Amino acid sequence: MKNVGAQPGAQYTQAQAPFFEVLTAEELARRWRVPSSWVREQCRSRCCDPIPHARLGRYVRFSWGSPELTQWWARRQSNRKNSLDSNMTFS
């Protein structure tokens, strides 16, 4: 079987490049239980902290389990927690 996209003679191992599952916007939306339109909107350049993604022409793909996506998710969770803490008032 021919390796599509591989350079002739190139030998890749797991140690050289970790493999992350590649997802579409719809697949990512299902995993996060949000609308796919929200995922696509969060990839736009006008977004202040866009979801890490790769553009393949008109297609957008996400690397599930990648450090970039994990860090983005952690930032969003901490931003939410910080905004909830700052909105709390005590009598």
N, C-alpha and C. Protein backbone atom coordinates (compact mmCIF):
# COMPACT_ATOMS: atom_id res chain seq x y z
N MET A 1 0.84 -1.17 0.00
CA MET A 1 0.00 0.00 0.00
C MET A 1 0.89 1.24 0.00
N LYS A 2 0.58 2.18 -0.82
CA LYS A 2 1.37 3.40 -0.94
C LYS A 2 0.99 4.40 0.15
N ASN A 3 1.99 5.06 0.75
CA ASN A 3 1.73 6.10 1.74
C ASN A 3 1.43 7.40 1.02
N VAL A 4 0.20 7.82 1.05
CA VAL A 4 -0.21 9.04 0.37
C VAL A 4 0.33 10.23 1.14
N GLY A 5 0.97 11.16 0.46
CA GLY A 5 1.48 12.36 1.09
C GLY A 5 2.85 12.20 1.71
N ALA A 6 3.36 10.99 1.80
CA ALA A 6 4.68 10.78 2.39
C ALA A 6 5.75 11.01 1.33
N GLN A 7 6.87 11.56 1.76
CA GLN A 7 7.97 11.75 0.86
C GLN A 7 8.67 10.42 0.64
N PRO A 8 9.20 10.20 -0.58
CA PRO A 8 9.88 8.93 -0.84
C PRO A 8 11.03 8.72 0.13
N GLY A 9 11.08 7.56 0.71
CA GLY A 9 12.16 7.20 1.63
C GLY A 9 11.97 7.70 3.04
N ALA A 10 10.92 8.45 3.31
CA ALA A 10 10.70 8.97 4.66
C ALA A 10 10.18 7.86 5.56
N GLN A 11 10.77 7.74 6.72
CA GLN A 11 10.34 6.76 7.71
C GLN A 11 9.90 7.51 8.96
N TYR A 12 8.64 7.40 9.32
CA TYR A 12 8.12 8.10 10.48
C TYR A 12 7.84 7.10 11.58
N THR A 13 8.14 7.49 12.80
CA THR A 13 7.85 6.64 13.95
C THR A 13 6.97 7.41 14.91
N GLN A 14 6.37 6.71 15.86
CA GLN A 14 5.52 7.35 16.86
C GLN A 14 6.30 8.38 17.68
N ALA A 15 7.59 8.13 17.94
CA ALA A 15 8.39 9.03 18.76
C ALA A 15 8.64 10.35 18.03
N GLN A 16 8.68 10.35 16.71
CA GLN A 16 8.99 11.57 15.96
C GLN A 16 7.81 12.54 15.93
N ALA A 17 6.64 12.05 15.70
CA ALA A 17 5.48 12.92 15.57
C ALA A 17 4.26 12.26 16.19
N PRO A 18 3.76 12.83 17.29
CA PRO A 18 2.56 12.25 17.90
C PRO A 18 1.37 12.42 16.98
N PHE A 19 0.49 11.46 16.99
CA PHE A 19 -0.71 11.52 16.15
C PHE A 19 -1.88 11.95 17.00
N PHE A 20 -2.60 12.94 16.51
CA PHE A 20 -3.81 13.40 17.18
C PHE A 20 -4.98 13.13 16.25
N GLU A 21 -6.08 12.72 16.82
CA GLU A 21 -7.27 12.45 16.03
C GLU A 21 -7.74 13.75 15.38
N VAL A 22 -8.01 13.72 14.09
CA VAL A 22 -8.44 14.89 13.35
C VAL A 22 -9.97 14.89 13.28
N LEU A 23 -10.56 16.02 13.72
CA LEU A 23 -12.01 16.13 13.78
C LEU A 23 -12.51 17.26 12.90
N THR A 24 -13.73 17.11 12.42
CA THR A 24 -14.42 18.20 11.73
C THR A 24 -15.09 19.09 12.79
N ALA A 25 -15.62 20.23 12.36
CA ALA A 25 -16.33 21.12 13.28
C ALA A 25 -17.55 20.40 13.89
N GLU A 26 -18.22 19.60 13.09
CA GLU A 26 -19.40 18.88 13.59
C GLU A 26 -19.01 17.85 14.64
N GLU A 27 -17.90 17.14 14.41
CA GLU A 27 -17.45 16.13 15.38
C GLU A 27 -17.01 16.78 16.68
N LEU A 28 -16.29 17.90 16.59
CA LEU A 28 -15.86 18.61 17.79
C LEU A 28 -17.07 19.14 18.55
N ALA A 29 -18.03 19.67 17.83
CA ALA A 29 -19.25 20.18 18.45
C ALA A 29 -20.00 19.07 19.20
N ARG A 30 -20.07 17.89 18.61
CA ARG A 30 -20.74 16.76 19.28
C ARG A 30 -20.02 16.41 20.58
N ARG A 31 -18.69 16.39 20.55
CA ARG A 31 -17.92 16.02 21.75
C ARG A 31 -18.08 17.06 22.85
N TRP A 32 -18.15 18.33 22.48
CA TRP A 32 -18.31 19.39 23.46
C TRP A 32 -19.76 19.71 23.75
N ARG A 33 -20.68 19.09 23.01
CA ARG A 33 -22.12 19.29 23.17
C ARG A 33 -22.52 20.76 22.99
N VAL A 34 -22.02 21.32 21.89
CA VAL A 34 -22.37 22.69 21.49
C VAL A 34 -22.77 22.66 20.03
N PRO A 35 -23.43 23.70 19.53
CA PRO A 35 -23.78 23.74 18.10
C PRO A 35 -22.52 23.85 17.23
N SER A 36 -22.55 23.22 16.07
CA SER A 36 -21.40 23.30 15.17
C SER A 36 -21.19 24.73 14.67
N SER A 37 -22.26 25.51 14.61
CA SER A 37 -22.12 26.92 14.21
C SER A 37 -21.28 27.69 15.23
N TRP A 38 -21.38 27.34 16.52
CA TRP A 38 -20.57 27.99 17.55
C TRP A 38 -19.10 27.64 17.36
N VAL A 39 -18.81 26.38 17.06
CA VAL A 39 -17.42 25.96 16.82
C VAL A 39 -16.84 26.72 15.64
N ARG A 40 -17.59 26.80 14.55
CA ARG A 40 -17.10 27.53 13.36
C ARG A 40 -16.89 29.01 13.67
N GLU A 41 -17.79 29.60 14.43
CA GLU A 41 -17.66 31.02 14.78
C GLU A 41 -16.41 31.26 15.64
N GLN A 42 -16.08 30.31 16.51
CA GLN A 42 -14.91 30.46 17.37
C GLN A 42 -13.59 30.26 16.63
N CYS A 43 -13.64 29.94 15.35
CA CYS A 43 -12.44 29.79 14.52
C CYS A 43 -12.17 31.04 13.68
N ARG A 44 -13.09 31.95 13.65
CA ARG A 44 -12.95 33.13 12.81
C ARG A 44 -11.83 34.03 13.32
N SER A 45 -11.21 34.76 12.41
CA SER A 45 -10.09 35.63 12.78
C SER A 45 -10.53 36.77 13.69
N ARG A 46 -11.80 37.16 13.64
CA ARG A 46 -12.27 38.24 14.50
C ARG A 46 -12.48 37.80 15.95
N CYS A 47 -12.40 36.51 16.20
CA CYS A 47 -12.54 36.00 17.56
C CYS A 47 -11.26 36.33 18.35
N CYS A 48 -11.42 36.78 19.61
CA CYS A 48 -10.24 37.20 20.39
C CYS A 48 -9.33 36.04 20.77
N ASP A 49 -9.86 34.85 20.95
CA ASP A 49 -9.05 33.66 21.27
C ASP A 49 -9.61 32.48 20.48
N PRO A 50 -9.28 32.39 19.18
CA PRO A 50 -9.88 31.34 18.34
C PRO A 50 -9.44 29.94 18.74
N ILE A 51 -10.31 28.98 18.49
CA ILE A 51 -9.99 27.58 18.72
C ILE A 51 -8.84 27.20 17.79
N PRO A 52 -7.79 26.53 18.31
CA PRO A 52 -6.69 26.10 17.43
C PRO A 52 -7.22 25.14 16.36
N HIS A 53 -6.89 25.42 15.12
CA HIS A 53 -7.42 24.63 14.01
C HIS A 53 -6.47 24.71 12.82
N ALA A 54 -6.74 23.88 11.84
CA ALA A 54 -6.00 23.91 10.57
C ALA A 54 -7.01 24.12 9.46
N ARG A 55 -6.70 25.02 8.57
CA ARG A 55 -7.55 25.26 7.41
C ARG A 55 -6.98 24.50 6.22
N LEU A 56 -7.83 23.74 5.59
CA LEU A 56 -7.47 23.00 4.38
C LEU A 56 -8.41 23.50 3.29
N GLY A 57 -8.04 24.63 2.70
CA GLY A 57 -8.95 25.26 1.76
C GLY A 57 -10.16 25.77 2.51
N ARG A 58 -11.33 25.32 2.13
CA ARG A 58 -12.54 25.75 2.82
C ARG A 58 -12.88 24.86 4.02
N TYR A 59 -12.12 23.82 4.22
CA TYR A 59 -12.37 22.88 5.32
C TYR A 59 -11.57 23.27 6.55
N VAL A 60 -12.16 23.09 7.73
CA VAL A 60 -11.50 23.37 9.00
C VAL A 60 -11.41 22.06 9.76
N ARG A 61 -10.23 21.78 10.31
CA ARG A 61 -10.03 20.56 11.07
C ARG A 61 -9.38 20.88 12.41
N PHE A 62 -9.63 20.01 13.40
CA PHE A 62 -9.14 20.19 14.76
C PHE A 62 -8.37 18.95 15.18
N SER A 63 -7.30 19.15 15.93
CA SER A 63 -6.47 18.02 16.42
C SER A 63 -6.90 17.69 17.84
N TRP A 64 -7.74 16.67 17.97
CA TRP A 64 -8.26 16.25 19.27
C TRP A 64 -7.12 15.68 20.11
N GLY A 65 -6.93 16.21 21.31
CA GLY A 65 -5.88 15.73 22.20
C GLY A 65 -4.57 16.49 22.05
N SER A 66 -4.52 17.45 21.13
CA SER A 66 -3.29 18.22 20.95
C SER A 66 -3.09 19.16 22.13
N PRO A 67 -1.83 19.49 22.44
CA PRO A 67 -1.57 20.43 23.54
C PRO A 67 -2.23 21.79 23.31
N GLU A 68 -2.27 22.26 22.06
CA GLU A 68 -2.88 23.56 21.77
C GLU A 68 -4.37 23.58 22.09
N LEU A 69 -5.07 22.53 21.67
CA LEU A 69 -6.51 22.46 21.94
C LEU A 69 -6.77 22.28 23.43
N THR A 70 -5.97 21.48 24.09
CA THR A 70 -6.11 21.26 25.53
C THR A 70 -5.87 22.56 26.30
N GLN A 71 -4.85 23.33 25.90
CA GLN A 71 -4.57 24.61 26.57
C GLN A 71 -5.69 25.61 26.32
N TRP A 72 -6.24 25.62 25.10
CA TRP A 72 -7.35 26.52 24.80
C TRP A 72 -8.54 26.19 25.70
N TRP A 73 -8.84 24.91 25.83
CA TRP A 73 -9.96 24.46 26.67
C TRP A 73 -9.73 24.87 28.12
N ALA A 74 -8.51 24.71 28.62
CA ALA A 74 -8.19 25.08 29.99
C ALA A 74 -8.33 26.59 30.20
N ARG A 75 -7.90 27.39 29.22
CA ARG A 75 -8.06 28.85 29.32
C ARG A 75 -9.52 29.23 29.39
N ARG A 76 -10.34 28.59 28.59
CA ARG A 76 -11.76 28.90 28.58
C ARG A 76 -12.41 28.54 29.91
N GLN A 77 -12.00 27.43 30.49
CA GLN A 77 -12.56 27.04 31.78
C GLN A 77 -12.12 28.00 32.87
N SER A 78 -10.86 28.42 32.87
CA SER A 78 -10.38 29.33 33.91
C SER A 78 -10.99 30.72 33.72
N ASN A 79 -11.20 31.17 32.45
CA ASN A 79 -11.85 32.46 32.21
C ASN A 79 -13.27 32.44 32.75
N ARG A 80 -13.96 31.35 32.55
CA ARG A 80 -15.34 31.23 33.04
C ARG A 80 -15.35 31.28 34.55
N LYS A 81 -14.44 30.54 35.19
CA LYS A 81 -14.37 30.51 36.65
C LYS A 81 -14.02 31.89 37.18
N ASN A 82 -13.06 32.57 36.55
CA ASN A 82 -12.68 33.90 37.02
C ASN A 82 -13.82 34.90 36.87
N SER A 83 -14.57 34.82 35.76
CA SER A 83 -15.68 35.74 35.58
C SER A 83 -16.81 35.45 36.57
N LEU A 84 -17.01 34.18 36.91
CA LEU A 84 -18.03 33.86 37.91
C LEU A 84 -17.61 34.37 39.27
N ASP A 85 -16.32 34.22 39.62
CA ASP A 85 -15.82 34.69 40.91
C ASP A 85 -15.93 36.20 41.03
N SER A 86 -15.63 36.93 39.96
CA SER A 86 -15.68 38.39 40.01
C SER A 86 -17.10 38.92 40.05
N ASN A 87 -18.07 38.14 39.57
CA ASN A 87 -19.47 38.57 39.57
C ASN A 87 -20.17 38.27 40.90
N MET A 88 -19.54 37.52 41.76
CA MET A 88 -20.17 37.17 43.03
C MET A 88 -20.10 38.35 43.98
N THR A 89 -21.20 38.63 44.63
CA THR A 89 -21.22 39.69 45.64
C THR A 89 -21.69 39.10 46.96
N PHE A 90 -21.13 39.62 48.00
CA PHE A 90 -21.48 39.12 49.33
C PHE A 90 -22.15 40.24 50.12
N SER A 91 -23.19 39.89 50.84
CA SER A 91 -23.92 40.89 51.63
C SER A 91 -23.37 40.97 53.03
